[in-house]
Structures are given as C-alpha cells and as structure tokens.
C-alpha cells in the first residue's frame, strides 16, 4: 500500500494564520479578498483557506531593490477603479 509523503502536500492556513504569516491584520487580508487584490484563496464549505505557497508568491510580488524601483507590488486593499473605455 502506498503512503502519502506529507512533505509534498501543500500547507493550508486560515485567515488568521495567513495574516500572521504576512504580518497583516486579518481584516486587511479580508479586504484584499473582497477587492480581489490579495493572494489566491480557496473556499471549502464556508471556510476560507490559503495555500502557504500562494501567500509567499503574492508577497514576493512586492520585492524591490530600491525605493525608486518602478516595479509594481501588491495593490492596496481598497476598491480598484475600473479603467475608462
């Protein structure tokens, strides 16, 4: 019988745990989820969970080499305006 290798399975975190990992408040993470500006998440029944790898990848989009680095990072947790057409 084959056994699962737990080190290859993804780690899932609750909103509170994910916020602690990112050093954000849970409410800020909830706002990011509402506005579509945050990390990917999954919804299982009524529970929201985040893959640890998705949290790290989202945080890494904010990596910069200097304060004048033009690369965009994660957007603020606020309603984004629609582009004009």
N, C-alpha and C. Protein backbone atom coordinates (compact mmCIF):
# COMPACT_ATOMS: atom_id res chain seq x y z
N UNK A 1 0.84 -1.18 0.00
CA UNK A 1 0.00 0.00 0.00
C UNK A 1 0.89 1.25 0.00
N UNK A 2 0.59 2.19 -0.91
CA UNK A 2 1.36 3.43 -0.98
C UNK A 2 0.94 4.36 0.15
N UNK A 3 1.91 5.07 0.67
CA UNK A 3 1.62 6.06 1.71
C UNK A 3 1.89 7.45 1.16
N UNK A 4 1.18 8.43 1.69
CA UNK A 4 1.39 9.81 1.29
C UNK A 4 2.66 10.33 1.92
N UNK A 5 3.38 11.13 1.16
CA UNK A 5 4.54 11.82 1.71
C UNK A 5 4.06 13.21 2.09
N UNK A 6 3.93 13.45 3.38
CA UNK A 6 3.33 14.70 3.84
C UNK A 6 4.16 15.92 3.49
N UNK A 7 5.47 15.77 3.29
CA UNK A 7 6.27 16.94 2.95
C UNK A 7 5.96 17.47 1.56
N UNK A 8 5.33 16.66 0.71
CA UNK A 8 4.98 17.12 -0.63
C UNK A 8 3.57 17.69 -0.71
N UNK A 9 2.81 17.58 0.36
CA UNK A 9 1.45 18.11 0.37
C UNK A 9 1.47 19.60 0.68
N UNK A 10 0.57 20.38 0.06
CA UNK A 10 0.53 21.82 0.36
C UNK A 10 0.06 22.08 1.78
N UNK A 11 0.52 23.18 2.35
CA UNK A 11 0.12 23.59 3.69
C UNK A 11 -0.95 24.67 3.52
N UNK A 12 -2.09 24.49 4.17
CA UNK A 12 -3.19 25.45 4.11
C UNK A 12 -3.34 26.15 5.44
N UNK A 13 -3.60 27.46 5.37
CA UNK A 13 -3.72 28.28 6.57
C UNK A 13 -5.06 28.98 6.60
N UNK A 14 -5.56 29.22 7.81
CA UNK A 14 -6.77 30.01 7.99
C UNK A 14 -6.45 31.47 7.73
N UNK A 15 -7.46 32.32 7.70
CA UNK A 15 -7.24 33.75 7.50
C UNK A 15 -6.36 34.33 8.60
N UNK A 16 -6.60 33.95 9.83
CA UNK A 16 -5.81 34.47 10.96
C UNK A 16 -4.35 34.01 10.83
N UNK A 17 -4.14 32.73 10.51
CA UNK A 17 -2.78 32.21 10.35
C UNK A 17 -2.07 32.87 9.16
N UNK A 18 -2.79 33.05 8.05
CA UNK A 18 -2.21 33.69 6.87
C UNK A 18 -1.84 35.14 7.18
N UNK A 19 -2.69 35.84 7.90
CA UNK A 19 -2.41 37.23 8.27
C UNK A 19 -1.17 37.29 9.16
N UNK A 20 -1.02 36.35 10.07
CA UNK A 20 0.17 36.32 10.93
C UNK A 20 1.43 36.08 10.10
N UNK A 21 1.34 35.18 9.13
CA UNK A 21 2.49 34.90 8.28
C UNK A 21 2.92 36.14 7.51
N UNK A 22 1.93 36.91 7.01
CA UNK A 22 2.22 38.11 6.22
C UNK A 22 2.42 39.35 7.08
N UNK A 23 2.19 39.20 8.38
CA UNK A 23 2.26 40.33 9.32
C UNK A 23 1.27 41.43 8.95
N UNK A 24 0.06 40.99 8.60
CA UNK A 24 -1.06 41.88 8.33
C UNK A 24 -2.15 41.58 9.34
N UNK A 25 -3.13 42.47 9.45
CA UNK A 25 -4.27 42.14 10.29
C UNK A 25 -5.20 41.24 9.47
N UNK A 26 -5.94 40.36 10.14
CA UNK A 26 -6.90 39.53 9.42
C UNK A 26 -7.89 40.37 8.62
N UNK A 27 -8.28 41.52 9.16
CA UNK A 27 -9.23 42.39 8.46
C UNK A 27 -8.64 42.90 7.14
N UNK A 28 -7.36 43.24 7.12
CA UNK A 28 -6.71 43.68 5.89
C UNK A 28 -6.73 42.56 4.86
N UNK A 29 -6.45 41.35 5.29
CA UNK A 29 -6.48 40.20 4.38
C UNK A 29 -7.90 39.98 3.85
N UNK A 30 -8.91 40.16 4.70
CA UNK A 30 -10.31 40.04 4.26
C UNK A 30 -10.64 41.11 3.22
N UNK A 31 -10.15 42.33 3.42
CA UNK A 31 -10.38 43.40 2.43
C UNK A 31 -9.71 43.06 1.11
N UNK A 32 -8.50 42.54 1.16
CA UNK A 32 -7.83 42.13 -0.07
C UNK A 32 -8.67 41.08 -0.80
N UNK A 33 -9.24 40.16 -0.06
CA UNK A 33 -10.08 39.11 -0.66
C UNK A 33 -11.32 39.72 -1.29
N UNK A 34 -11.95 40.66 -0.61
CA UNK A 34 -13.16 41.32 -1.10
C UNK A 34 -12.90 42.08 -2.40
N UNK A 35 -11.77 42.81 -2.44
CA UNK A 35 -11.48 43.66 -3.59
C UNK A 35 -10.69 42.95 -4.68
N UNK A 36 -10.31 41.72 -4.46
CA UNK A 36 -9.58 40.97 -5.48
C UNK A 36 -8.14 41.39 -5.64
N UNK A 37 -7.55 41.99 -4.60
CA UNK A 37 -6.18 42.47 -4.68
C UNK A 37 -5.21 41.59 -3.90
N UNK A 38 -5.69 40.55 -3.28
CA UNK A 38 -4.85 39.74 -2.40
C UNK A 38 -4.41 38.44 -3.01
N UNK A 39 -3.86 37.59 -2.18
CA UNK A 39 -3.38 36.28 -2.64
C UNK A 39 -4.56 35.36 -2.98
N UNK A 40 -4.26 34.34 -3.78
CA UNK A 40 -5.27 33.34 -4.11
C UNK A 40 -5.73 32.64 -2.84
N UNK A 41 -6.99 32.25 -2.83
CA UNK A 41 -7.54 31.53 -1.68
C UNK A 41 -8.46 30.44 -2.17
N UNK A 42 -8.82 29.57 -1.29
CA UNK A 42 -9.79 28.50 -1.59
C UNK A 42 -10.92 28.60 -0.59
N UNK A 43 -12.09 28.19 -1.03
CA UNK A 43 -13.23 28.17 -0.13
C UNK A 43 -13.73 26.74 -0.06
N UNK A 44 -13.70 26.18 1.11
CA UNK A 44 -14.16 24.82 1.35
C UNK A 44 -15.36 24.93 2.27
N UNK A 45 -16.55 24.69 1.73
CA UNK A 45 -17.75 24.94 2.51
C UNK A 45 -17.82 26.42 2.81
N UNK A 46 -17.87 26.80 4.05
CA UNK A 46 -17.88 28.21 4.41
C UNK A 46 -16.54 28.73 4.88
N UNK A 47 -15.51 27.87 4.84
CA UNK A 47 -14.19 28.27 5.35
C UNK A 47 -13.29 28.74 4.23
N UNK A 48 -12.54 29.78 4.50
CA UNK A 48 -11.55 30.30 3.57
C UNK A 48 -10.18 29.83 4.03
N UNK A 49 -9.41 29.26 3.10
CA UNK A 49 -8.06 28.83 3.42
C UNK A 49 -7.11 29.33 2.34
N UNK A 50 -5.86 29.49 2.73
CA UNK A 50 -4.82 29.97 1.83
C UNK A 50 -3.70 28.94 1.79
N UNK A 51 -3.19 28.67 0.59
CA UNK A 51 -2.00 27.82 0.47
C UNK A 51 -0.80 28.69 0.85
N UNK A 52 0.07 28.16 1.70
CA UNK A 52 1.24 28.92 2.13
C UNK A 52 2.08 29.37 0.94
N UNK A 53 2.20 28.53 -0.09
CA UNK A 53 2.98 28.88 -1.27
C UNK A 53 2.37 30.08 -2.00
N UNK A 54 1.03 30.18 -2.04
CA UNK A 54 0.36 31.32 -2.68
C UNK A 54 0.62 32.61 -1.90
N UNK A 55 0.65 32.52 -0.58
CA UNK A 55 0.92 33.70 0.24
C UNK A 55 2.34 34.22 0.00
N UNK A 56 3.28 33.31 -0.04
CA UNK A 56 4.67 33.71 -0.28
C UNK A 56 4.82 34.30 -1.68
N UNK A 57 4.21 33.67 -2.67
CA UNK A 57 4.30 34.18 -4.05
C UNK A 57 3.70 35.58 -4.15
N UNK A 58 2.57 35.81 -3.50
CA UNK A 58 1.92 37.14 -3.53
C UNK A 58 2.81 38.17 -2.85
N UNK A 59 3.38 37.82 -1.72
CA UNK A 59 4.26 38.74 -1.00
C UNK A 59 5.50 39.05 -1.83
N UNK A 60 6.01 38.08 -2.56
CA UNK A 60 7.21 38.28 -3.37
C UNK A 60 6.97 39.24 -4.53
N UNK A 61 5.72 39.46 -4.93
CA UNK A 61 5.46 40.44 -6.00
C UNK A 61 5.81 41.85 -5.55
N UNK A 62 5.98 42.05 -4.26
CA UNK A 62 6.35 43.36 -3.73
C UNK A 62 7.84 43.54 -3.53
N UNK A 63 8.65 42.54 -3.94
CA UNK A 63 10.10 42.63 -3.75
C UNK A 63 10.67 43.75 -4.63
N UNK A 64 11.49 44.59 -4.03
CA UNK A 64 12.11 45.71 -4.73
C UNK A 64 13.58 45.78 -4.38
N UNK A 65 14.35 46.46 -5.23
CA UNK A 65 15.78 46.61 -4.97
C UNK A 65 16.12 47.99 -4.44
N UNK A 66 15.21 48.95 -4.61
CA UNK A 66 15.42 50.30 -4.07
C UNK A 66 14.07 51.00 -3.95
N UNK A 67 14.05 52.13 -3.28
CA UNK A 67 12.80 52.87 -3.12
C UNK A 67 12.33 53.48 -4.42
N UNK A 68 13.21 53.61 -5.39
CA UNK A 68 12.82 54.18 -6.68
C UNK A 68 12.54 53.09 -7.72
N UNK A 69 12.53 51.84 -7.29
CA UNK A 69 12.24 50.73 -8.20
C UNK A 69 10.82 50.87 -8.75
N UNK A 70 10.65 50.93 -10.07
CA UNK A 70 9.33 51.17 -10.65
C UNK A 70 8.41 49.95 -10.67
N UNK A 71 8.91 48.78 -10.32
CA UNK A 71 8.06 47.58 -10.37
C UNK A 71 6.90 47.70 -9.40
N UNK A 72 5.74 47.27 -9.86
CA UNK A 72 4.55 47.29 -9.00
C UNK A 72 4.57 46.09 -8.08
N UNK A 73 4.03 46.26 -6.92
CA UNK A 73 3.89 45.17 -5.98
C UNK A 73 2.41 44.89 -5.78
N UNK A 74 2.06 44.25 -4.69
CA UNK A 74 0.65 44.02 -4.41
C UNK A 74 -0.09 45.36 -4.32
N UNK A 75 -1.28 45.40 -4.88
CA UNK A 75 -2.08 46.62 -4.82
C UNK A 75 -2.64 46.81 -3.43
N UNK A 76 -2.98 48.05 -3.07
CA UNK A 76 -3.58 48.29 -1.75
C UNK A 76 -4.92 47.58 -1.60
N UNK A 77 -5.30 47.32 -0.36
CA UNK A 77 -6.58 46.65 -0.08
C UNK A 77 -7.70 47.67 -0.12
N UNK A 78 -8.01 48.12 -1.32
CA UNK A 78 -9.14 49.04 -1.49
C UNK A 78 -9.77 48.81 -2.85
N UNK A 79 -10.96 49.27 -2.98
CA UNK A 79 -11.70 49.09 -4.21
C UNK A 79 -10.92 49.72 -5.36
N UNK A 80 -10.71 48.96 -6.40
CA UNK A 80 -9.97 49.43 -7.56
C UNK A 80 -10.95 50.04 -8.56
N UNK A 81 -10.59 51.18 -9.12
CA UNK A 81 -11.45 51.81 -10.11
C UNK A 81 -11.36 51.06 -11.42
N UNK A 82 -12.45 51.06 -12.14
CA UNK A 82 -12.48 50.40 -13.44
C UNK A 82 -11.79 51.29 -14.46
N UNK A 83 -11.06 50.70 -15.41
CA UNK A 83 -10.42 51.52 -16.43
C UNK A 83 -11.45 52.18 -17.34
N UNK A 84 -11.17 53.39 -17.75
CA UNK A 84 -12.08 54.10 -18.66
C UNK A 84 -12.00 53.48 -20.04
N UNK A 85 -13.16 53.42 -20.70
CA UNK A 85 -13.18 52.80 -22.03
C UNK A 85 -13.44 53.83 -23.09
